[in-house]
Amino acid sequence: MELQQEISQLAAELGAILADKGIWITTAESCTGGGISYALTDTARSSRYIDRCFVTYSNEAKQALLGVSATTLANFGAVSEQTVIEMAQGAALAANAQLAISVSGIAGPGGGSTDKPVGTVWFAITLDDKTQSLKRIFNGSRSEVRVQAIVFALKKLIEIIKN
């Protein structure tokens, strides 16, 4: 299946579950640049479960819009478990949503390091004040890393909301 078609199907499935359960979702995206929220809002009647989302590419935006601590960013960096946890929790609060996903990573082609190679992406999902974080390393071009991160995020959200 082509990736864009898979994204559309996953977003529609997630949207149907959210609407059925009466759950509001928000996103706090960095390296995916709003790709998750785009996928979610590409489904008709998505206003039943999504009100607002955040693309916080800079550290300043993460702080101003999501309340990420300057200390967290200085000590751990934007691409870290600590930062995505604060992003997800801040987004849920700012959007008054029960479910939030945050994403921050290094899509490349530059910007990687030994500790955080290109393709490193951190995710955090907050559901009803409980937050879990996940790290993945994807391969491919900048575009491929971003698309893989969107697909992973949608699949993980579906898995969490079903359980």
C-alpha atoms as a PDB file:
ATOM      1  CA  MET A   1       0.000   0.000   0.000  1.00  0.00           C
ATOM      2  CA  GLU A   2       1.256   3.456  -0.836  1.00  0.00           C
ATOM      3  CA  LEU A   3       2.230   5.439   2.280  1.00  0.00           C
ATOM      4  CA  GLN A   4      -0.096   8.390   1.650  1.00  0.00           C
ATOM      5  CA  GLN A   5      -3.030   6.011   1.284  1.00  0.00           C
ATOM      6  CA  GLU A   6      -1.977   4.239   4.474  1.00  0.00           C
ATOM      7  CA  ILE A   7      -1.803   7.574   6.312  1.00  0.00           C
ATOM      8  CA  SER A   8      -5.299   8.495   5.103  1.00  0.00           C
ATOM      9  CA  GLN A   9      -6.712   5.133   6.184  1.00  0.00           C
ATOM     10  CA  LEU A  10      -5.032   5.273   9.596  1.00  0.00           C
ATOM     11  CA  ALA A  11      -6.206   8.850  10.190  1.00  0.00           C
ATOM     12  CA  ALA A  12      -9.778   7.932   9.223  1.00  0.00           C
ATOM     13  CA  GLU A  13      -9.702   4.909  11.526  1.00  0.00           C
ATOM     14  CA  LEU A  14      -8.329   6.959  14.415  1.00  0.00           C
ATOM     15  CA  GLY A  15     -10.863   9.710  13.786  1.00  0.00           C
ATOM     16  CA  ALA A  16     -13.758   7.266  13.846  1.00  0.00           C
ATOM     17  CA  ILE A  17     -12.576   5.841  17.173  1.00  0.00           C
ATOM     18  CA  LEU A  18     -12.103   9.314  18.674  1.00  0.00           C
ATOM     19  CA  ALA A  19     -15.533  10.475  17.519  1.00  0.00           C
ATOM     20  CA  ASP A  20     -17.151   7.292  18.794  1.00  0.00           C
ATOM     21  CA  LYS A  21     -15.501   7.610  22.223  1.00  0.00           C
ATOM     22  CA  GLY A  22     -15.955  11.397  22.450  1.00  0.00           C
ATOM     23  CA  ILE A  23     -12.227  12.010  22.867  1.00  0.00           C
ATOM     24  CA  TRP A  24     -10.544  15.254  21.795  1.00  0.00           C
ATOM     25  CA  ILE A  25      -7.004  15.061  20.375  1.00  0.00           C
ATOM     26  CA  THR A  26      -4.263  17.575  19.797  1.00  0.00           C
ATOM     27  CA  THR A  27      -0.767  17.366  18.332  1.00  0.00           C
ATOM     28  CA  ALA A  28       2.508  19.078  19.202  1.00  0.00           C
ATOM     29  CA  GLU A  29       4.784  18.564  16.230  1.00  0.00           C
ATOM     30  CA  SER A  30       8.322  19.553  15.434  1.00  0.00           C
ATOM     31  CA  CYS A  31      10.054  17.369  12.825  1.00  0.00           C
ATOM     32  CA  THR A  32       6.751  16.240  11.259  1.00  0.00           C
ATOM     33  CA  GLY A  33       5.819  19.863  10.618  1.00  0.00           C
ATOM     34  CA  GLY A  34       2.089  19.365  11.162  1.00  0.00           C
ATOM     35  CA  GLY A  35       1.856  16.167   9.145  1.00  0.00           C
ATOM     36  CA  ILE A  36      -0.093  14.325  11.830  1.00  0.00           C
ATOM     37  CA  SER A  37      -2.618  17.122  12.250  1.00  0.00           C
ATOM     38  CA  TYR A  38      -2.884  17.438   8.464  1.00  0.00           C
ATOM     39  CA  ALA A  39      -3.717  13.750   8.214  1.00  0.00           C
ATOM     40  CA  LEU A  40      -6.288  13.988  10.998  1.00  0.00           C
ATOM     41  CA  THR A  41      -8.010  17.050   9.514  1.00  0.00           C
ATOM     42  CA  ASP A  42      -7.984  15.571   6.009  1.00  0.00           C
ATOM     43  CA  THR A  43     -10.872  13.375   7.180  1.00  0.00           C
ATOM     44  CA  ALA A  44     -14.357  14.862   6.839  1.00  0.00           C
ATOM     45  CA  ARG A  45     -16.033  15.940  10.080  1.00  0.00           C
ATOM     46  CA  SER A  46     -12.740  15.911  11.985  1.00  0.00           C
ATOM     47  CA  SER A  47     -14.019  18.928  13.946  1.00  0.00           C
ATOM     48  CA  ARG A  48     -15.817  16.348  16.123  1.00  0.00           C
ATOM     49  CA  TYR A  49     -12.501  15.378  17.735  1.00  0.00           C
ATOM     50  CA  ILE A  50      -9.888  18.013  16.919  1.00  0.00           C
ATOM     51  CA  ASP A  51      -9.957  21.697  17.850  1.00  0.00           C
ATOM     52  CA  ARG A  52      -6.365  22.914  17.679  1.00  0.00           C
ATOM     53  CA  CYS A  53      -2.844  21.637  17.089  1.00  0.00           C
ATOM     54  CA  PHE A  54       0.654  23.028  17.451  1.00  0.00           C
ATOM     55  CA  VAL A  55       3.659  23.089  15.139  1.00  0.00           C
ATOM     56  CA  THR A  56       6.498  24.130  17.402  1.00  0.00           C
ATOM     57  CA  TYR A  57       9.620  23.901  15.338  1.00  0.00           C
ATOM     58  CA  SER A  58      11.786  26.267  17.377  1.00  0.00           C
ATOM     59  CA  ASN A  59      12.693  25.995  21.036  1.00  0.00           C
ATOM     60  CA  GLU A  60      11.069  29.391  21.560  1.00  0.00           C
ATOM     61  CA  ALA A  61       7.764  28.080  20.178  1.00  0.00           C
ATOM     62  CA  LYS A  62       7.971  24.978  22.378  1.00  0.00           C
ATOM     63  CA  GLN A  63       8.358  27.248  25.390  1.00  0.00           C
ATOM     64  CA  ALA A  64       5.779  29.905  24.455  1.00  0.00           C
ATOM     65  CA  LEU A  65       2.990  27.657  23.167  1.00  0.00           C
ATOM     66  CA  LEU A  66       3.481  24.444  25.126  1.00  0.00           C
ATOM     67  CA  GLY A  67       5.233  25.535  28.303  1.00  0.00           C
ATOM     68  CA  VAL A  68       8.361  23.463  27.732  1.00  0.00           C
ATOM     69  CA  SER A  69      10.947  24.488  30.296  1.00  0.00           C
ATOM     70  CA  ALA A  70      14.046  26.355  29.139  1.00  0.00           C
ATOM     71  CA  THR A  71      15.989  24.181  31.586  1.00  0.00           C
ATOM     72  CA  THR A  72      14.710  20.998  29.930  1.00  0.00           C
ATOM     73  CA  LEU A  73      15.723  22.273  26.498  1.00  0.00           C
ATOM     74  CA  ALA A  74      19.149  23.395  27.745  1.00  0.00           C
ATOM     75  CA  ASN A  75      19.859  20.156  29.608  1.00  0.00           C
ATOM     76  CA  PHE A  76      18.408  17.576  27.211  1.00  0.00           C
ATOM     77  CA  GLY A  77      17.817  19.307  23.861  1.00  0.00           C
ATOM     78  CA  ALA A  78      14.724  19.518  21.688  1.00  0.00           C
ATOM     79  CA  VAL A  79      15.075  15.897  20.585  1.00  0.00           C
ATOM     80  CA  SER A  80      14.711  14.168  23.934  1.00  0.00           C
ATOM     81  CA  GLU A  81      12.300  12.179  26.024  1.00  0.00           C
ATOM     82  CA  GLN A  82      12.024  14.980  28.562  1.00  0.00           C
ATOM     83  CA  THR A  83      11.109  17.562  25.918  1.00  0.00           C
ATOM     84  CA  VAL A  84       8.445  15.480  24.148  1.00  0.00           C
ATOM     85  CA  ILE A  85       6.821  14.643  27.490  1.00  0.00           C
ATOM     86  CA  GLU A  86       6.553  18.339  28.325  1.00  0.00           C
ATOM     87  CA  MET A  87       5.319  19.047  24.778  1.00  0.00           C
ATOM     88  CA  ALA A  88       2.520  16.460  24.983  1.00  0.00           C
ATOM     89  CA  GLN A  89       1.424  17.526  28.445  1.00  0.00           C
ATOM     90  CA  GLY A  90       1.537  21.209  27.495  1.00  0.00           C
ATOM     91  CA  ALA A  91      -0.426  20.617  24.297  1.00  0.00           C
ATOM     92  CA  ALA A  92      -3.135  18.646  26.102  1.00  0.00           C
ATOM     93  CA  LEU A  93      -3.508  21.473  28.598  1.00  0.00           C
ATOM     94  CA  ALA A  94      -3.443  24.257  25.986  1.00  0.00           C
ATOM     95  CA  ALA A  95      -5.975  22.492  23.755  1.00  0.00           C
ATOM     96  CA  ASN A  96      -8.146  21.129  26.580  1.00  0.00           C
ATOM     97  CA  ALA A  97      -7.775  17.688  24.979  1.00  0.00           C
ATOM     98  CA  GLN A  98      -7.771  14.283  26.653  1.00  0.00           C
ATOM     99  CA  LEU A  99      -5.313  12.901  24.085  1.00  0.00           C
ATOM    100  CA  ALA A 100      -2.121  14.531  22.848  1.00  0.00           C
ATOM    101  CA  ILE A 101       0.835  13.357  20.824  1.00  0.00           C
ATOM    102  CA  SER A 102       4.134  15.159  20.509  1.00  0.00           C
ATOM    103  CA  VAL A 103       6.976  14.502  18.077  1.00  0.00           C
ATOM    104  CA  SER A 104      10.510  15.841  17.946  1.00  0.00           C
ATOM    105  CA  GLY A 105      13.326  14.408  15.903  1.00  0.00           C
ATOM    106  CA  ILE A 106      16.206  14.755  13.496  1.00  0.00           C
ATOM    107  CA  ALA A 107      14.885  14.227   9.980  1.00  0.00           C
ATOM    108  CA  GLY A 108      18.180  15.086   8.317  1.00  0.00           C
ATOM    109  CA  PRO A 109      20.083  15.129   6.176  1.00  0.00           C
ATOM    110  CA  GLY A 110      22.244  16.979   8.723  1.00  0.00           C
ATOM    111  CA  GLY A 111      21.933  17.689  12.408  1.00  0.00           C
ATOM    112  CA  GLY A 112      22.656  14.223  13.738  1.00  0.00           C
ATOM    113  CA  SER A 113      25.273  13.229  16.274  1.00  0.00           C
ATOM    114  CA  THR A 114      26.654  10.034  17.783  1.00  0.00           C
ATOM    115  CA  ASP A 115      24.062  10.187  20.583  1.00  0.00           C
ATOM    116  CA  LYS A 116      21.242  11.309  18.298  1.00  0.00           C
ATOM    117  CA  PRO A 117      21.802  10.103  14.737  1.00  0.00           C
ATOM    118  CA  VAL A 118      19.745  11.334  11.801  1.00  0.00           C
ATOM    119  CA  GLY A 119      16.421   9.524  11.908  1.00  0.00           C
ATOM    120  CA  THR A 120      16.082   9.690  15.715  1.00  0.00           C
ATOM    121  CA  VAL A 121      12.522  10.620  16.641  1.00  0.00           C
ATOM    122  CA  TRP A 122      10.997  10.891  20.106  1.00  0.00           C
ATOM    123  CA  PHE A 123       7.235  10.618  20.651  1.00  0.00           C
ATOM    124  CA  ALA A 124       5.121  11.199  23.755  1.00  0.00           C
ATOM    125  CA  ILE A 125       1.441  10.428  24.113  1.00  0.00           C
ATOM    126  CA  THR A 126      -0.683  11.801  26.919  1.00  0.00           C
ATOM    127  CA  LEU A 127      -4.084  10.238  27.546  1.00  0.00           C
ATOM    128  CA  ASP A 128      -6.106  11.426  30.534  1.00  0.00           C
ATOM    129  CA  ASP A 129      -3.015  12.755  32.342  1.00  0.00           C
ATOM    130  CA  LYS A 130      -0.954   9.576  31.813  1.00  0.00           C
ATOM    131  CA  THR A 131       2.057  10.026  29.534  1.00  0.00           C
ATOM    132  CA  GLN A 132       4.242   7.482  27.811  1.00  0.00           C
ATOM    133  CA  SER A 133       7.243   8.132  25.604  1.00  0.00           C
ATOM    134  CA  LEU A 134       8.820   6.181  22.767  1.00  0.00           C
ATOM    135  CA  LYS A 135      11.978   6.545  20.705  1.00  0.00           C
ATOM    136  CA  ARG A 136      12.433   5.263  17.181  1.00  0.00           C
ATOM    137  CA  ILE A 137      15.227   5.538  14.651  1.00  0.00           C
ATOM    138  CA  PHE A 138      13.999   5.662  11.076  1.00  0.00           C
ATOM    139  CA  ASN A 139      16.051   5.300   7.908  1.00  0.00           C
ATOM    140  CA  GLY A 140      15.846   7.158   4.634  1.00  0.00           C
ATOM    141  CA  SER A 141      15.696  10.686   3.316  1.00  0.00           C
ATOM    142  CA  ARG A 142      14.290  13.646   5.244  1.00  0.00           C
ATOM    143  CA  SER A 143      10.881  13.100   3.654  1.00  0.00           C
ATOM    144  CA  GLU A 144      10.962   9.360   4.338  1.00  0.00           C
ATOM    145  CA  VAL A 145      11.841   9.884   8.012  1.00  0.00           C
ATOM    146  CA  ARG A 146       8.968  12.353   8.404  1.00  0.00           C
ATOM    147  CA  VAL A 147       6.425  10.071   6.701  1.00  0.00           C
ATOM    148  CA  GLN A 148       7.549   7.054   8.743  1.00  0.00           C
ATOM    149  CA  ALA A 149       7.142   9.143  11.911  1.00  0.00           C
ATOM    150  CA  ILE A 150       3.584  10.129  10.901  1.00  0.00           C
ATOM    151  CA  VAL A 151       2.624   6.519  10.150  1.00  0.00           C
ATOM    152  CA  PHE A 152       4.142   5.329  13.426  1.00  0.00           C
ATOM    153  CA  ALA A 153       2.340   8.058  15.392  1.00  0.00           C
ATOM    154  CA  LEU A 154      -1.066   7.216  13.907  1.00  0.00           C
ATOM    155  CA  LYS A 155      -0.603   3.487  14.497  1.00  0.00           C
ATOM    156  CA  LYS A 156       0.518   4.044  18.083  1.00  0.00           C
ATOM    157  CA  LEU A 157      -2.425   6.364  18.783  1.00  0.00           C
ATOM    158  CA  ILE A 158      -4.860   3.749  17.471  1.00  0.00           C
ATOM    159  CA  GLU A 159      -3.211   1.060  19.591  1.00  0.00           C
ATOM    160  CA  ILE A 160      -3.368   3.180  22.744  1.00  0.00           C
ATOM    161  CA  ILE A 161      -6.927   4.394  22.265  1.00  0.00           C
ATOM    162  CA  LYS A 162      -8.185   0.853  21.623  1.00  0.00           C
ATOM    163  CA  ASN A 163      -6.630  -0.470  24.860  1.00  0.00           C
END
